N, C-alpha and C. Protein backbone atom coordinates (compact mmCIF):
# COMPACT_ATOMS: atom_id res chain seq x y z
N UNK A 1 95.10 36.16 103.08
CA UNK A 1 96.48 36.47 102.22
C UNK A 1 96.52 37.95 102.06
N UNK A 2 97.74 38.43 102.41
CA UNK A 2 97.90 39.88 102.00
C UNK A 2 98.87 39.96 100.93
N UNK A 3 99.10 41.04 99.76
CA UNK A 3 100.09 41.13 99.37
C UNK A 3 100.68 42.36 99.74
N UNK A 4 102.00 42.30 99.39
CA UNK A 4 102.80 43.59 100.11
C UNK A 4 103.37 43.99 98.67
N UNK A 5 103.47 45.17 98.13
CA UNK A 5 103.88 45.47 96.52
C UNK A 5 104.67 46.94 96.87
N UNK A 6 105.76 47.03 96.45
CA UNK A 6 106.60 48.48 96.69
C UNK A 6 106.04 49.27 95.55
N UNK A 7 105.71 50.67 96.10
CA UNK A 7 105.29 51.87 95.30
C UNK A 7 106.54 52.41 94.99
N UNK A 8 106.69 53.36 94.05
CA UNK A 8 107.69 53.78 93.69
C UNK A 8 107.36 55.40 93.42
N UNK A 9 107.74 56.17 94.17
CA UNK A 9 107.25 57.70 94.10
C UNK A 9 108.64 58.46 93.93
N UNK A 10 108.41 59.47 92.94
CA UNK A 10 109.60 60.39 92.49
C UNK A 10 108.80 61.35 92.48
N UNK A 11 110.00 62.70 93.11
CA UNK A 11 109.32 63.73 93.27
C UNK A 11 110.76 64.74 92.51
N UNK A 12 110.57 65.28 91.55
CA UNK A 12 111.61 66.08 90.78
C UNK A 12 111.86 67.18 91.34
N UNK A 13 112.76 68.48 91.06
CA UNK A 13 113.16 69.70 91.55
C UNK A 13 111.96 70.49 91.02
N UNK A 14 111.19 70.02 89.91
CA UNK A 14 109.96 70.93 89.90
C UNK A 14 108.95 71.00 90.86
N UNK A 15 109.02 69.54 91.03
CA UNK A 15 107.92 69.44 92.60
C UNK A 15 108.16 70.60 93.62
N UNK A 16 109.46 70.75 94.04
CA UNK A 16 109.67 71.15 94.93
C UNK A 16 109.62 72.66 94.73
N UNK A 17 109.76 72.97 93.59
CA UNK A 17 109.91 74.47 93.17
C UNK A 17 108.08 75.01 93.50
N UNK A 18 107.33 73.92 92.77
CA UNK A 18 106.11 74.16 92.90
C UNK A 18 105.49 74.13 94.26
N UNK A 19 105.57 73.44 95.02
CA UNK A 19 105.24 73.75 96.38
C UNK A 19 105.83 74.83 96.88
N UNK A 20 106.90 75.52 96.67
CA UNK A 20 107.26 76.91 97.15
C UNK A 20 106.90 77.67 96.81
N UNK A 21 106.34 77.86 95.53
CA UNK A 21 105.35 78.87 94.96
C UNK A 21 104.16 78.78 96.11
N UNK A 22 103.13 77.71 95.85
CA UNK A 22 102.31 77.51 96.29
C UNK A 22 102.24 77.92 97.50
N UNK A 23 103.13 78.18 98.36
CA UNK A 23 103.45 78.70 99.83
C UNK A 23 103.14 79.92 99.38
N UNK A 24 104.27 80.61 98.89
CA UNK A 24 104.71 82.09 98.68
C UNK A 24 103.05 82.76 98.58
N UNK A 25 102.67 82.03 97.45
CA UNK A 25 101.29 82.72 96.51
C UNK A 25 100.23 82.44 98.06
N UNK A 26 100.27 81.32 98.53
CA UNK A 26 99.11 81.57 100.02
C UNK A 26 99.22 82.57 100.87
N UNK A 27 100.58 83.13 101.20
CA UNK A 27 100.71 83.83 101.98
C UNK A 27 100.66 85.40 101.53
N UNK A 28 100.78 85.48 100.45
CA UNK A 28 100.51 86.94 99.54
C UNK A 28 99.10 87.02 99.42
N UNK A 29 98.78 86.01 99.17
CA UNK A 29 96.66 85.91 98.95
C UNK A 29 96.09 86.33 100.27
N UNK A 30 96.71 85.93 101.48
CA UNK A 30 96.45 86.04 102.79
C UNK A 30 96.84 87.34 103.26
N UNK A 31 97.52 87.68 103.00
CA UNK A 31 98.38 89.39 103.01
C UNK A 31 97.47 90.31 102.45
N UNK A 32 97.06 89.84 101.14
CA UNK A 32 96.05 90.73 100.41
C UNK A 32 94.83 91.01 101.03
N UNK A 33 94.33 89.70 101.32
CA UNK A 33 92.67 89.48 101.90
C UNK A 33 92.75 90.19 103.28
N UNK A 34 93.96 90.04 103.76
CA UNK A 34 93.46 91.02 105.31
C UNK A 34 94.27 92.45 105.19
N UNK A 35 94.45 92.79 103.66
CA UNK A 35 94.63 94.27 103.37
C UNK A 35 93.31 94.76 103.07
N UNK A 36 92.56 94.24 102.46
CA UNK A 36 91.39 94.14 101.94
C UNK A 36 90.13 94.68 103.18
N UNK A 37 90.46 93.69 104.14
CA UNK A 37 89.32 93.49 105.47
C UNK A 37 89.70 94.20 106.30
N UNK A 38 91.10 95.09 106.35
CA UNK A 38 91.52 95.42 107.65
C UNK A 38 90.57 95.83 108.41
N UNK A 39 89.58 96.87 108.01
CA UNK A 39 89.00 97.76 108.82
C UNK A 39 87.53 96.64 109.68
N UNK A 40 87.18 96.24 108.98
CA UNK A 40 86.40 94.88 109.32
C UNK A 40 86.80 94.01 110.13
N UNK A 41 88.30 93.72 110.10
CA UNK A 41 88.82 92.94 111.30
C UNK A 41 89.27 93.85 112.76
N UNK A 42 89.59 94.96 112.19
CA UNK A 42 90.12 95.87 113.58
C UNK A 42 88.55 95.95 114.14
N UNK A 43 87.38 96.05 113.71
CA UNK A 43 86.20 96.49 114.30
C UNK A 43 85.59 95.35 115.06
N UNK A 44 85.96 94.10 114.59
CA UNK A 44 85.89 92.67 115.33
C UNK A 44 86.70 92.84 116.80
N UNK A 45 87.83 92.97 116.70
CA UNK A 45 88.72 93.04 118.00
C UNK A 45 88.51 94.54 118.48
N UNK A 46 88.48 95.44 117.95
CA UNK A 46 88.58 96.90 118.67
C UNK A 46 87.81 97.02 119.68
N UNK A 47 87.78 98.38 120.21
CA UNK A 47 86.89 98.74 121.52
C UNK A 47 85.70 99.51 120.96
N UNK A 48 85.41 100.25 119.97
CA UNK A 48 84.71 100.69 119.04
C UNK A 48 84.43 102.20 119.84
N UNK A 49 85.53 102.43 120.47
CA UNK A 49 85.74 104.04 120.68
C UNK A 49 86.76 105.17 119.91
N UNK A 50 86.88 104.46 118.66
CA UNK A 50 87.79 105.15 117.74
C UNK A 50 86.71 105.86 116.81
N UNK A 51 87.04 107.30 116.65
CA UNK A 51 86.15 107.75 115.68
C UNK A 51 86.69 107.54 114.05
N UNK A 52 85.16 108.02 113.07
CA UNK A 52 85.72 107.06 112.06
C UNK A 52 86.24 108.55 111.43
N UNK A 53 87.05 108.08 110.52
CA UNK A 53 87.89 109.52 109.78
C UNK A 53 86.75 109.95 108.58
N UNK A 54 86.11 109.08 108.20
CA UNK A 54 85.00 109.42 107.23
C UNK A 54 83.69 110.15 107.34
N UNK A 55 83.71 110.50 108.73
CA UNK A 55 82.53 111.22 109.48
C UNK A 55 82.84 112.66 108.89
N UNK A 56 83.59 113.53 108.97
CA UNK A 56 84.14 114.62 108.48
C UNK A 56 84.75 114.81 107.15
N UNK A 57 83.86 115.76 106.26
CA UNK A 57 84.24 116.31 105.06
C UNK A 57 84.39 117.24 104.87
N UNK A 58 85.99 117.67 104.48
CA UNK A 58 86.50 119.01 104.21
C UNK A 58 86.31 119.12 103.03
N UNK A 59 86.70 120.44 102.32
CA UNK A 59 86.85 120.83 101.06
C UNK A 59 87.76 121.76 100.83
N UNK A 60 88.59 120.84 100.12
CA UNK A 60 89.68 121.61 99.44
C UNK A 60 89.55 122.70 98.32
N UNK A 61 90.64 123.46 98.21
CA UNK A 61 90.74 124.40 96.87
C UNK A 61 90.41 123.58 95.87
N UNK A 62 90.64 122.54 95.74
CA UNK A 62 91.10 121.58 94.41
C UNK A 62 89.44 121.21 94.31
N UNK A 63 88.64 121.22 95.20
CA UNK A 63 87.47 120.18 95.23
C UNK A 63 86.40 120.86 95.01
N UNK A 64 86.52 122.58 95.24
CA UNK A 64 85.49 123.80 95.42
C UNK A 64 85.62 123.93 93.73
N UNK A 65 84.20 124.22 93.31
CA UNK A 65 84.01 124.76 91.97
C UNK A 65 84.76 126.20 91.50
N UNK A 66 85.52 126.34 90.22
CA UNK A 66 86.34 127.63 89.89
C UNK A 66 85.30 128.29 89.68
N UNK A 67 85.61 129.88 90.07
CA UNK A 67 84.87 130.88 90.16
C UNK A 67 84.97 131.08 88.48
N UNK A 68 83.79 131.78 88.00
CA UNK A 68 84.02 132.21 86.50
C UNK A 68 84.46 133.81 87.00
N UNK A 69 85.09 133.98 85.67
CA UNK A 69 85.44 135.48 85.48
C UNK A 69 84.37 136.48 85.27
N UNK A 70 84.19 137.18 85.91
CA UNK A 70 83.07 138.29 85.62
C UNK A 70 83.62 139.09 84.06
N UNK A 71 82.96 139.41 83.14
CA UNK A 71 83.27 140.02 82.29
C UNK A 71 83.08 142.22 82.64
N UNK A 72 84.67 142.42 82.38
CA UNK A 72 84.53 143.53 82.39
C UNK A 72 84.34 144.62 81.88
N UNK A 73 83.32 145.79 81.92
CA UNK A 73 83.14 146.64 81.10
C UNK A 73 83.76 148.11 81.11
């Protein structure tokens, strides 16, 4: 013998809003994670013939040490 019982479920407007927030937050988190790991993702799918931008270091006037004024006599 099996007894069948009716189960009542209730979803209010707050539940729908929470589900929507979970979806939007999940997409935002995925976007931030992709932005953080973009070079690694690009390296996996890339061909490897791109030059690395950090290999050459250039010094600008703002990075150079300031010249000291020599005392004039």
